[in-house]
Amino acid sequence: MAAVKHDSSKDLVRGQLFLFLGENPVAFASSCSLEVSVEEIDISNKMCGDWSASLPGKKSFTISSESLLTRLEGATSYDELLKHVDTGETFQFVVGESTITNKTNVGGSFAIDTTKPNYKGEIMLTSLSLKSDNGQIATCSASFKGVGALQKVEAVPGA
């Protein structure tokens, strides 16, 4: 078996993963988190002696996002997310690196970068909060729970 060569300057992903709900990224996001969990099924029995034993059970995932509060029309913002609290509609999502499609001097428009691997599936909104500290930009937090399987999407070279 050949040794794998590692290059820290090329092989690591910088903190630029975006959460896209539908086609749009969460507006002015400052963080995005994807957590995958596996339930444990206890199979401890007398034959295990003093040791516990488990098997993997059901899998699940959660996503959370922190962002600056905006009233930008058409953006995936607090107000847009709040509509889903009333309707209970779920979201198709993608978490992955983005590519800028319409650059400005402080941002622009973004799309998922399909030349890099990403993760997708369906989620439901489970919590939404606003925070405003004295003299600071207001922020919002959103938490989501996966509906069904999390899917890894492989990169499409040259897409």
N, C-alpha and C. Protein backbone atom coordinates (compact mmCIF):
# COMPACT_ATOMS: atom_id res chain seq x y z
N MET A 1 0.85 -1.18 0.00
CA MET A 1 0.00 0.00 0.00
C MET A 1 0.90 1.24 0.00
N ALA A 2 0.65 2.17 -0.92
CA ALA A 2 1.44 3.39 -1.04
C ALA A 2 1.06 4.38 0.05
N ALA A 3 2.05 5.10 0.53
CA ALA A 3 1.80 6.12 1.54
C ALA A 3 1.06 7.30 0.91
N VAL A 4 0.12 7.86 1.64
CA VAL A 4 -0.64 9.01 1.17
C VAL A 4 0.13 10.27 1.55
N LYS A 5 0.34 11.15 0.58
CA LYS A 5 1.03 12.40 0.84
C LYS A 5 0.01 13.46 1.22
N HIS A 6 0.29 14.21 2.26
CA HIS A 6 -0.60 15.24 2.74
C HIS A 6 0.05 16.60 2.54
N ASP A 7 -0.75 17.58 2.17
CA ASP A 7 -0.29 18.95 2.02
C ASP A 7 -1.29 19.86 2.72
N SER A 8 -0.93 20.32 3.91
CA SER A 8 -1.85 21.14 4.71
C SER A 8 -2.29 22.41 3.99
N SER A 9 -1.48 22.93 3.09
CA SER A 9 -1.86 24.16 2.40
C SER A 9 -2.90 23.91 1.30
N LYS A 10 -3.09 22.64 0.90
CA LYS A 10 -4.04 22.33 -0.16
C LYS A 10 -5.17 21.41 0.29
N ASP A 11 -4.92 20.56 1.28
CA ASP A 11 -5.86 19.49 1.62
C ASP A 11 -6.90 19.86 2.67
N LEU A 12 -6.78 21.02 3.29
CA LEU A 12 -7.72 21.42 4.34
C LEU A 12 -8.78 22.36 3.76
N VAL A 13 -9.98 22.30 4.32
CA VAL A 13 -11.08 23.17 3.89
C VAL A 13 -11.17 24.34 4.86
N ARG A 14 -11.08 25.54 4.34
CA ARG A 14 -11.25 26.72 5.19
C ARG A 14 -12.70 26.87 5.57
N GLY A 15 -12.98 27.68 6.57
CA GLY A 15 -14.33 27.85 7.10
C GLY A 15 -15.27 28.60 6.19
N GLN A 16 -15.44 28.13 4.97
CA GLN A 16 -16.31 28.80 4.01
C GLN A 16 -17.45 27.91 3.55
N LEU A 17 -17.88 26.97 4.40
CA LEU A 17 -19.03 26.14 4.04
C LEU A 17 -20.30 26.96 4.23
N PHE A 18 -21.15 26.93 3.25
CA PHE A 18 -22.41 27.66 3.28
C PHE A 18 -23.57 26.70 3.48
N LEU A 19 -24.65 27.19 4.09
CA LEU A 19 -25.91 26.47 4.14
C LEU A 19 -26.83 27.11 3.12
N PHE A 20 -27.22 26.34 2.10
CA PHE A 20 -28.17 26.78 1.09
C PHE A 20 -29.51 26.14 1.40
N LEU A 21 -30.56 26.95 1.48
CA LEU A 21 -31.92 26.46 1.62
C LEU A 21 -32.58 26.69 0.28
N GLY A 22 -32.91 25.61 -0.41
CA GLY A 22 -33.31 25.74 -1.80
C GLY A 22 -32.10 26.19 -2.59
N GLU A 23 -32.24 27.24 -3.37
CA GLU A 23 -31.14 27.75 -4.20
C GLU A 23 -30.33 28.85 -3.53
N ASN A 24 -30.82 29.35 -2.38
CA ASN A 24 -30.20 30.54 -1.78
C ASN A 24 -29.44 30.22 -0.50
N PRO A 25 -28.27 30.86 -0.32
CA PRO A 25 -27.57 30.68 0.95
C PRO A 25 -28.29 31.45 2.05
N VAL A 26 -28.11 31.02 3.30
CA VAL A 26 -28.63 31.80 4.42
C VAL A 26 -27.93 33.16 4.36
N ALA A 27 -28.71 34.23 4.34
CA ALA A 27 -28.15 35.57 4.13
C ALA A 27 -27.27 35.99 5.29
N PHE A 28 -26.10 36.50 4.98
CA PHE A 28 -25.16 37.08 5.92
C PHE A 28 -24.79 36.11 7.05
N ALA A 29 -24.68 34.83 6.70
CA ALA A 29 -24.34 33.80 7.69
C ALA A 29 -22.92 34.00 8.21
N SER A 30 -22.75 33.74 9.49
CA SER A 30 -21.42 33.80 10.10
C SER A 30 -20.94 32.42 10.51
N SER A 31 -21.85 31.45 10.62
CA SER A 31 -21.44 30.08 10.92
C SER A 31 -22.48 29.10 10.43
N CYS A 32 -22.03 27.88 10.24
CA CYS A 32 -22.89 26.79 9.78
C CYS A 32 -22.34 25.51 10.41
N SER A 33 -23.22 24.68 10.93
CA SER A 33 -22.80 23.45 11.60
C SER A 33 -23.68 22.29 11.15
N LEU A 34 -23.06 21.16 10.85
CA LEU A 34 -23.76 19.93 10.48
C LEU A 34 -23.29 18.85 11.43
N GLU A 35 -24.21 18.24 12.17
CA GLU A 35 -23.86 17.20 13.13
C GLU A 35 -24.62 15.92 12.80
N VAL A 36 -23.88 14.82 12.70
CA VAL A 36 -24.47 13.51 12.41
C VAL A 36 -24.37 12.66 13.68
N SER A 37 -25.45 11.97 14.03
CA SER A 37 -25.49 11.15 15.24
C SER A 37 -25.96 9.74 14.91
N VAL A 38 -25.52 8.80 15.72
CA VAL A 38 -25.96 7.41 15.62
C VAL A 38 -26.44 6.98 17.00
N GLU A 39 -27.69 6.51 17.07
CA GLU A 39 -28.22 6.00 18.33
C GLU A 39 -27.51 4.71 18.69
N GLU A 40 -27.42 4.44 19.99
CA GLU A 40 -26.84 3.19 20.46
C GLU A 40 -27.96 2.25 20.88
N ILE A 41 -27.85 1.01 20.46
CA ILE A 41 -28.77 -0.02 20.91
C ILE A 41 -28.01 -0.87 21.93
N ASP A 42 -28.45 -0.85 23.15
CA ASP A 42 -27.79 -1.59 24.22
C ASP A 42 -28.03 -3.08 24.04
N ILE A 43 -26.95 -3.86 23.92
CA ILE A 43 -27.06 -5.31 23.82
C ILE A 43 -26.33 -5.99 24.99
N SER A 44 -26.11 -5.21 26.06
CA SER A 44 -25.43 -5.77 27.24
C SER A 44 -26.21 -6.97 27.76
N ASN A 45 -25.46 -7.98 28.18
CA ASN A 45 -26.08 -9.18 28.73
C ASN A 45 -25.10 -9.84 29.69
N LYS A 46 -25.51 -10.89 30.31
CA LYS A 46 -24.67 -11.56 31.31
C LYS A 46 -23.36 -12.06 30.72
N MET A 47 -23.35 -12.42 29.46
CA MET A 47 -22.13 -12.92 28.83
C MET A 47 -21.09 -11.83 28.62
N CYS A 48 -21.49 -10.56 28.72
CA CYS A 48 -20.55 -9.44 28.55
C CYS A 48 -19.74 -9.19 29.82
N GLY A 49 -20.09 -9.85 30.91
CA GLY A 49 -19.38 -9.63 32.16
C GLY A 49 -19.56 -8.20 32.64
N ASP A 50 -18.45 -7.56 32.97
CA ASP A 50 -18.50 -6.20 33.50
C ASP A 50 -18.53 -5.12 32.41
N TRP A 51 -18.59 -5.53 31.17
CA TRP A 51 -18.53 -4.59 30.06
C TRP A 51 -19.91 -4.40 29.43
N SER A 52 -20.19 -3.16 29.04
CA SER A 52 -21.42 -2.92 28.30
C SER A 52 -21.15 -3.19 26.83
N ALA A 53 -22.18 -3.41 26.07
CA ALA A 53 -22.04 -3.65 24.64
C ALA A 53 -23.16 -2.94 23.90
N SER A 54 -22.86 -2.45 22.73
CA SER A 54 -23.85 -1.71 21.93
C SER A 54 -23.70 -2.04 20.46
N LEU A 55 -24.78 -1.81 19.74
CA LEU A 55 -24.79 -1.87 18.28
C LEU A 55 -25.26 -0.52 17.77
N PRO A 56 -24.84 -0.15 16.57
CA PRO A 56 -25.34 1.11 16.02
C PRO A 56 -26.82 0.99 15.67
N GLY A 57 -27.56 2.06 15.95
CA GLY A 57 -28.99 2.11 15.65
C GLY A 57 -29.28 3.13 14.57
N LYS A 58 -30.38 3.85 14.74
CA LYS A 58 -30.80 4.83 13.74
C LYS A 58 -29.83 6.00 13.68
N LYS A 59 -29.70 6.54 12.48
CA LYS A 59 -28.85 7.69 12.23
C LYS A 59 -29.73 8.94 12.10
N SER A 60 -29.18 10.08 12.48
CA SER A 60 -29.90 11.34 12.31
C SER A 60 -28.88 12.46 12.14
N PHE A 61 -29.38 13.63 11.73
CA PHE A 61 -28.48 14.78 11.62
C PHE A 61 -29.23 16.06 11.96
N THR A 62 -28.46 17.04 12.42
CA THR A 62 -28.99 18.37 12.70
C THR A 62 -28.08 19.40 12.03
N ILE A 63 -28.65 20.54 11.75
CA ILE A 63 -27.91 21.66 11.17
C ILE A 63 -28.25 22.90 11.97
N SER A 64 -27.25 23.74 12.19
CA SER A 64 -27.52 25.04 12.82
C SER A 64 -26.79 26.12 12.03
N SER A 65 -27.32 27.32 12.12
CA SER A 65 -26.75 28.45 11.40
C SER A 65 -26.90 29.72 12.23
N GLU A 66 -25.87 30.51 12.25
CA GLU A 66 -25.88 31.84 12.87
C GLU A 66 -25.71 32.85 11.74
N SER A 67 -26.44 33.95 11.81
CA SER A 67 -26.30 34.97 10.77
C SER A 67 -26.63 36.34 11.32
N LEU A 68 -26.20 37.34 10.58
CA LEU A 68 -26.55 38.72 10.91
C LEU A 68 -27.97 38.96 10.44
N LEU A 69 -28.72 39.75 11.19
CA LEU A 69 -30.11 40.02 10.84
C LEU A 69 -30.18 40.97 9.65
N THR A 70 -31.01 40.62 8.67
CA THR A 70 -31.21 41.46 7.49
C THR A 70 -32.69 41.51 7.16
N ARG A 71 -33.10 42.56 6.48
CA ARG A 71 -34.45 42.68 5.94
C ARG A 71 -34.42 42.65 4.42
N LEU A 72 -33.31 42.19 3.85
CA LEU A 72 -33.12 42.13 2.41
C LEU A 72 -34.21 41.28 1.77
N GLU A 73 -34.92 41.86 0.82
CA GLU A 73 -35.99 41.16 0.10
C GLU A 73 -35.43 39.99 -0.69
N GLY A 74 -36.12 38.87 -0.66
CA GLY A 74 -35.72 37.70 -1.43
C GLY A 74 -34.59 36.89 -0.82
N ALA A 75 -34.06 37.34 0.32
CA ALA A 75 -32.96 36.62 0.97
C ALA A 75 -33.51 35.58 1.94
N THR A 76 -32.73 34.55 2.20
CA THR A 76 -33.09 33.57 3.23
C THR A 76 -32.71 34.19 4.56
N SER A 77 -33.64 34.92 5.15
CA SER A 77 -33.41 35.70 6.36
C SER A 77 -34.34 35.21 7.48
N TYR A 78 -34.24 35.85 8.63
CA TYR A 78 -35.08 35.51 9.78
C TYR A 78 -36.57 35.54 9.39
N ASP A 79 -36.99 36.61 8.72
CA ASP A 79 -38.40 36.74 8.34
C ASP A 79 -38.85 35.61 7.41
N GLU A 80 -37.98 35.22 6.46
CA GLU A 80 -38.31 34.11 5.57
C GLU A 80 -38.41 32.80 6.35
N LEU A 81 -37.48 32.58 7.27
CA LEU A 81 -37.51 31.36 8.08
C LEU A 81 -38.74 31.33 8.98
N LEU A 82 -39.12 32.49 9.51
CA LEU A 82 -40.28 32.57 10.40
C LEU A 82 -41.56 32.11 9.69
N LYS A 83 -41.66 32.35 8.40
CA LYS A 83 -42.83 31.87 7.64
C LYS A 83 -42.96 30.35 7.74
N HIS A 84 -41.82 29.65 7.80
CA HIS A 84 -41.84 28.19 7.86
C HIS A 84 -42.27 27.67 9.23
N VAL A 85 -42.18 28.50 10.26
CA VAL A 85 -42.70 28.11 11.57
C VAL A 85 -44.21 27.93 11.46
N ASP A 86 -44.87 28.86 10.77
CA ASP A 86 -46.33 28.79 10.61
C ASP A 86 -46.78 27.68 9.67
N THR A 87 -46.06 27.51 8.56
CA THR A 87 -46.50 26.55 7.55
C THR A 87 -46.02 25.12 7.83
N GLY A 88 -44.92 24.98 8.55
CA GLY A 88 -44.37 23.65 8.80
C GLY A 88 -43.70 23.04 7.58
N GLU A 89 -43.52 23.82 6.53
CA GLU A 89 -42.88 23.31 5.32
C GLU A 89 -41.42 22.94 5.61
N THR A 90 -40.94 21.92 4.93
CA THR A 90 -39.54 21.54 5.06
C THR A 90 -38.72 22.22 3.97
N PHE A 91 -37.42 22.11 4.10
CA PHE A 91 -36.48 22.72 3.15
C PHE A 91 -35.63 21.65 2.50
N GLN A 92 -35.35 21.81 1.21
CA GLN A 92 -34.26 21.08 0.59
C GLN A 92 -33.01 21.90 0.88
N PHE A 93 -31.93 21.26 1.26
CA PHE A 93 -30.74 22.02 1.63
C PHE A 93 -29.49 21.42 0.99
N VAL A 94 -28.45 22.23 0.95
CA VAL A 94 -27.10 21.80 0.59
C VAL A 94 -26.14 22.51 1.53
N VAL A 95 -25.19 21.77 2.08
CA VAL A 95 -24.09 22.36 2.84
C VAL A 95 -22.83 22.07 2.05
N GLY A 96 -22.12 23.13 1.69
CA GLY A 96 -20.89 22.94 0.92
C GLY A 96 -20.22 24.26 0.62
N GLU A 97 -19.14 24.16 -0.12
CA GLU A 97 -18.42 25.36 -0.52
C GLU A 97 -19.21 26.08 -1.61
N SER A 98 -18.99 27.39 -1.69
CA SER A 98 -19.73 28.17 -2.68
C SER A 98 -18.79 28.78 -3.69
N THR A 99 -19.40 29.26 -4.75
CA THR A 99 -18.68 30.03 -5.74
C THR A 99 -19.43 31.35 -5.90
N ILE A 100 -18.70 32.42 -6.08
CA ILE A 100 -19.34 33.73 -6.22
C ILE A 100 -19.75 33.92 -7.68
N THR A 101 -20.99 34.34 -7.89
CA THR A 101 -21.51 34.46 -9.25
C THR A 101 -21.66 35.91 -9.70
N ASN A 102 -21.69 36.84 -8.77
CA ASN A 102 -21.85 38.25 -9.10
C ASN A 102 -21.14 39.04 -8.02
N LYS A 103 -19.83 39.21 -8.18
CA LYS A 103 -19.00 39.79 -7.13
C LYS A 103 -19.17 41.31 -7.01
N THR A 104 -19.27 41.75 -5.74
CA THR A 104 -19.23 43.17 -5.42
C THR A 104 -18.02 43.39 -4.52
N ASN A 105 -17.78 44.61 -4.10
CA ASN A 105 -16.60 44.85 -3.26
C ASN A 105 -16.77 44.32 -1.83
N VAL A 106 -17.99 43.98 -1.41
CA VAL A 106 -18.21 43.42 -0.06
C VAL A 106 -19.12 42.20 -0.08
N GLY A 107 -19.13 41.46 -1.15
CA GLY A 107 -19.98 40.27 -1.21
C GLY A 107 -20.36 39.94 -2.63
N GLY A 108 -21.65 39.71 -2.83
CA GLY A 108 -22.14 39.38 -4.15
C GLY A 108 -23.21 38.31 -4.07
N SER A 109 -23.35 37.56 -5.13
CA SER A 109 -24.29 36.44 -5.20
C SER A 109 -23.49 35.15 -5.18
N PHE A 110 -24.07 34.12 -4.57
CA PHE A 110 -23.35 32.87 -4.39
C PHE A 110 -24.17 31.69 -4.88
N ALA A 111 -23.47 30.65 -5.33
CA ALA A 111 -24.09 29.38 -5.72
C ALA A 111 -23.23 28.26 -5.16
N ILE A 112 -23.82 27.08 -5.02
CA ILE A 112 -23.06 25.94 -4.52
C ILE A 112 -21.98 25.58 -5.54
N ASP A 113 -20.79 25.29 -5.06
CA ASP A 113 -19.68 24.92 -5.94
C ASP A 113 -19.74 23.41 -6.17
N THR A 114 -20.24 23.01 -7.32
CA THR A 114 -20.42 21.59 -7.61
C THR A 114 -19.11 20.89 -7.97
N THR A 115 -18.01 21.65 -8.09
CA THR A 115 -16.72 21.02 -8.33
C THR A 115 -16.11 20.49 -7.03
N LYS A 116 -16.79 20.73 -5.92
CA LYS A 116 -16.36 20.26 -4.60
C LYS A 116 -17.47 19.38 -4.02
N PRO A 117 -17.11 18.40 -3.18
CA PRO A 117 -18.15 17.57 -2.56
C PRO A 117 -19.04 18.42 -1.65
N ASN A 118 -20.29 18.01 -1.50
CA ASN A 118 -21.20 18.70 -0.58
C ASN A 118 -22.18 17.68 0.00
N TYR A 119 -23.06 18.16 0.85
CA TYR A 119 -24.04 17.31 1.52
C TYR A 119 -25.41 17.90 1.31
N LYS A 120 -26.40 17.03 1.08
CA LYS A 120 -27.73 17.55 0.81
C LYS A 120 -28.78 16.64 1.45
N GLY A 121 -30.00 17.14 1.47
CA GLY A 121 -31.12 16.38 2.00
C GLY A 121 -32.30 17.30 2.26
N GLU A 122 -33.13 16.89 3.22
CA GLU A 122 -34.32 17.65 3.58
C GLU A 122 -34.27 17.90 5.09
N ILE A 123 -34.66 19.10 5.50
CA ILE A 123 -34.65 19.46 6.92
C ILE A 123 -35.92 20.21 7.29
N MET A 124 -36.22 20.15 8.59
CA MET A 124 -37.33 20.95 9.12
C MET A 124 -36.75 21.92 10.15
N LEU A 125 -37.33 23.09 10.21
CA LEU A 125 -36.91 24.11 11.17
C LEU A 125 -37.38 23.70 12.56
N THR A 126 -36.48 23.65 13.54
CA THR A 126 -36.86 23.27 14.90
C THR A 126 -36.74 24.41 15.89
N SER A 127 -35.91 25.41 15.61
CA SER A 127 -35.88 26.60 16.48
C SER A 127 -35.32 27.78 15.72
N LEU A 128 -35.76 28.96 16.15
CA LEU A 128 -35.38 30.21 15.50
C LEU A 128 -35.32 31.28 16.58
N SER A 129 -34.22 32.01 16.65
CA SER A 129 -34.11 33.04 17.69
C SER A 129 -33.41 34.29 17.16
N LEU A 130 -33.71 35.41 17.80
CA LEU A 130 -33.08 36.70 17.53
C LEU A 130 -32.28 37.12 18.75
N LYS A 131 -31.19 37.84 18.51
CA LYS A 131 -30.40 38.38 19.61
C LYS A 131 -29.91 39.76 19.21
N SER A 132 -30.02 40.70 20.14
CA SER A 132 -29.57 42.06 19.89
C SER A 132 -28.81 42.57 21.10
N ASP A 133 -27.50 42.75 20.96
CA ASP A 133 -26.68 43.31 22.03
C ASP A 133 -26.49 44.80 21.80
N ASN A 134 -26.37 45.54 22.88
CA ASN A 134 -26.21 46.98 22.84
C ASN A 134 -25.10 47.41 21.88
N GLY A 135 -25.47 48.18 20.88
CA GLY A 135 -24.50 48.74 19.95
C GLY A 135 -23.97 47.77 18.91
N GLN A 136 -24.49 46.57 18.84
CA GLN A 136 -23.99 45.56 17.89
C GLN A 136 -25.04 45.26 16.81
N ILE A 137 -24.62 44.59 15.78
CA ILE A 137 -25.53 44.13 14.73
C ILE A 137 -26.38 43.00 15.32
N ALA A 138 -27.68 43.04 15.11
CA ALA A 138 -28.56 41.97 15.59
C ALA A 138 -28.24 40.68 14.84
N THR A 139 -28.40 39.56 15.53
CA THR A 139 -28.13 38.26 14.93
C THR A 139 -29.33 37.34 15.07
N CYS A 140 -29.34 36.31 14.27
CA CYS A 140 -30.37 35.28 14.42
C CYS A 140 -29.71 33.91 14.35
N SER A 141 -30.35 32.97 15.02
CA SER A 141 -29.89 31.58 15.05
C SER A 141 -31.03 30.70 14.59
N ALA A 142 -30.70 29.68 13.81
CA ALA A 142 -31.70 28.73 13.35
C ALA A 142 -31.15 27.32 13.53
N SER A 143 -32.03 26.41 13.96
CA SER A 143 -31.68 25.00 14.10
C SER A 143 -32.65 24.17 13.29
N PHE A 144 -32.12 23.11 12.69
CA PHE A 144 -32.89 22.25 11.80
C PHE A 144 -32.62 20.79 12.14
N LYS A 145 -33.62 19.94 11.90
CA LYS A 145 -33.46 18.49 12.07
C LYS A 145 -33.67 17.84 10.72
N GLY A 146 -32.84 16.84 10.43
CA GLY A 146 -32.94 16.13 9.18
C GLY A 146 -34.22 15.33 9.06
N VAL A 147 -34.76 15.29 7.85
CA VAL A 147 -35.93 14.48 7.52
C VAL A 147 -35.43 13.44 6.53
N GLY A 148 -35.19 12.23 6.99
CA GLY A 148 -34.64 11.20 6.11
C GLY A 148 -33.13 11.22 6.11
N ALA A 149 -32.56 10.72 5.02
CA ALA A 149 -31.11 10.50 4.93
C ALA A 149 -30.34 11.75 4.54
N LEU A 150 -29.13 11.84 5.07
CA LEU A 150 -28.15 12.83 4.63
C LEU A 150 -27.41 12.20 3.47
N GLN A 151 -27.27 12.95 2.38
CA GLN A 151 -26.62 12.41 1.19
C GLN A 151 -25.34 13.17 0.89
N LYS A 152 -24.26 12.44 0.66
CA LYS A 152 -23.03 13.08 0.22
C LYS A 152 -23.06 13.14 -1.30
N VAL A 153 -22.78 14.32 -1.84
CA VAL A 153 -22.74 14.51 -3.29
C VAL A 153 -21.28 14.68 -3.68
N GLU A 154 -20.81 13.79 -4.54
CA GLU A 154 -19.40 13.86 -4.97
C GLU A 154 -19.19 15.04 -5.90
N ALA A 155 -17.96 15.50 -5.94
CA ALA A 155 -17.59 16.61 -6.81
C ALA A 155 -17.76 16.23 -8.26
N VAL A 156 -18.10 17.22 -9.08
CA VAL A 156 -18.21 17.04 -10.52
C VAL A 156 -17.07 17.85 -11.13
N PRO A 157 -15.95 17.20 -11.48
CA PRO A 157 -14.79 17.94 -12.00
C PRO A 157 -15.16 18.77 -13.24
N GLY A 158 -14.70 20.01 -13.24
CA GLY A 158 -14.91 20.88 -14.38
C GLY A 158 -16.34 21.31 -14.62
N ALA A 159 -17.20 21.16 -13.60
CA ALA A 159 -18.62 21.53 -13.77
C ALA A 159 -18.80 23.02 -13.89
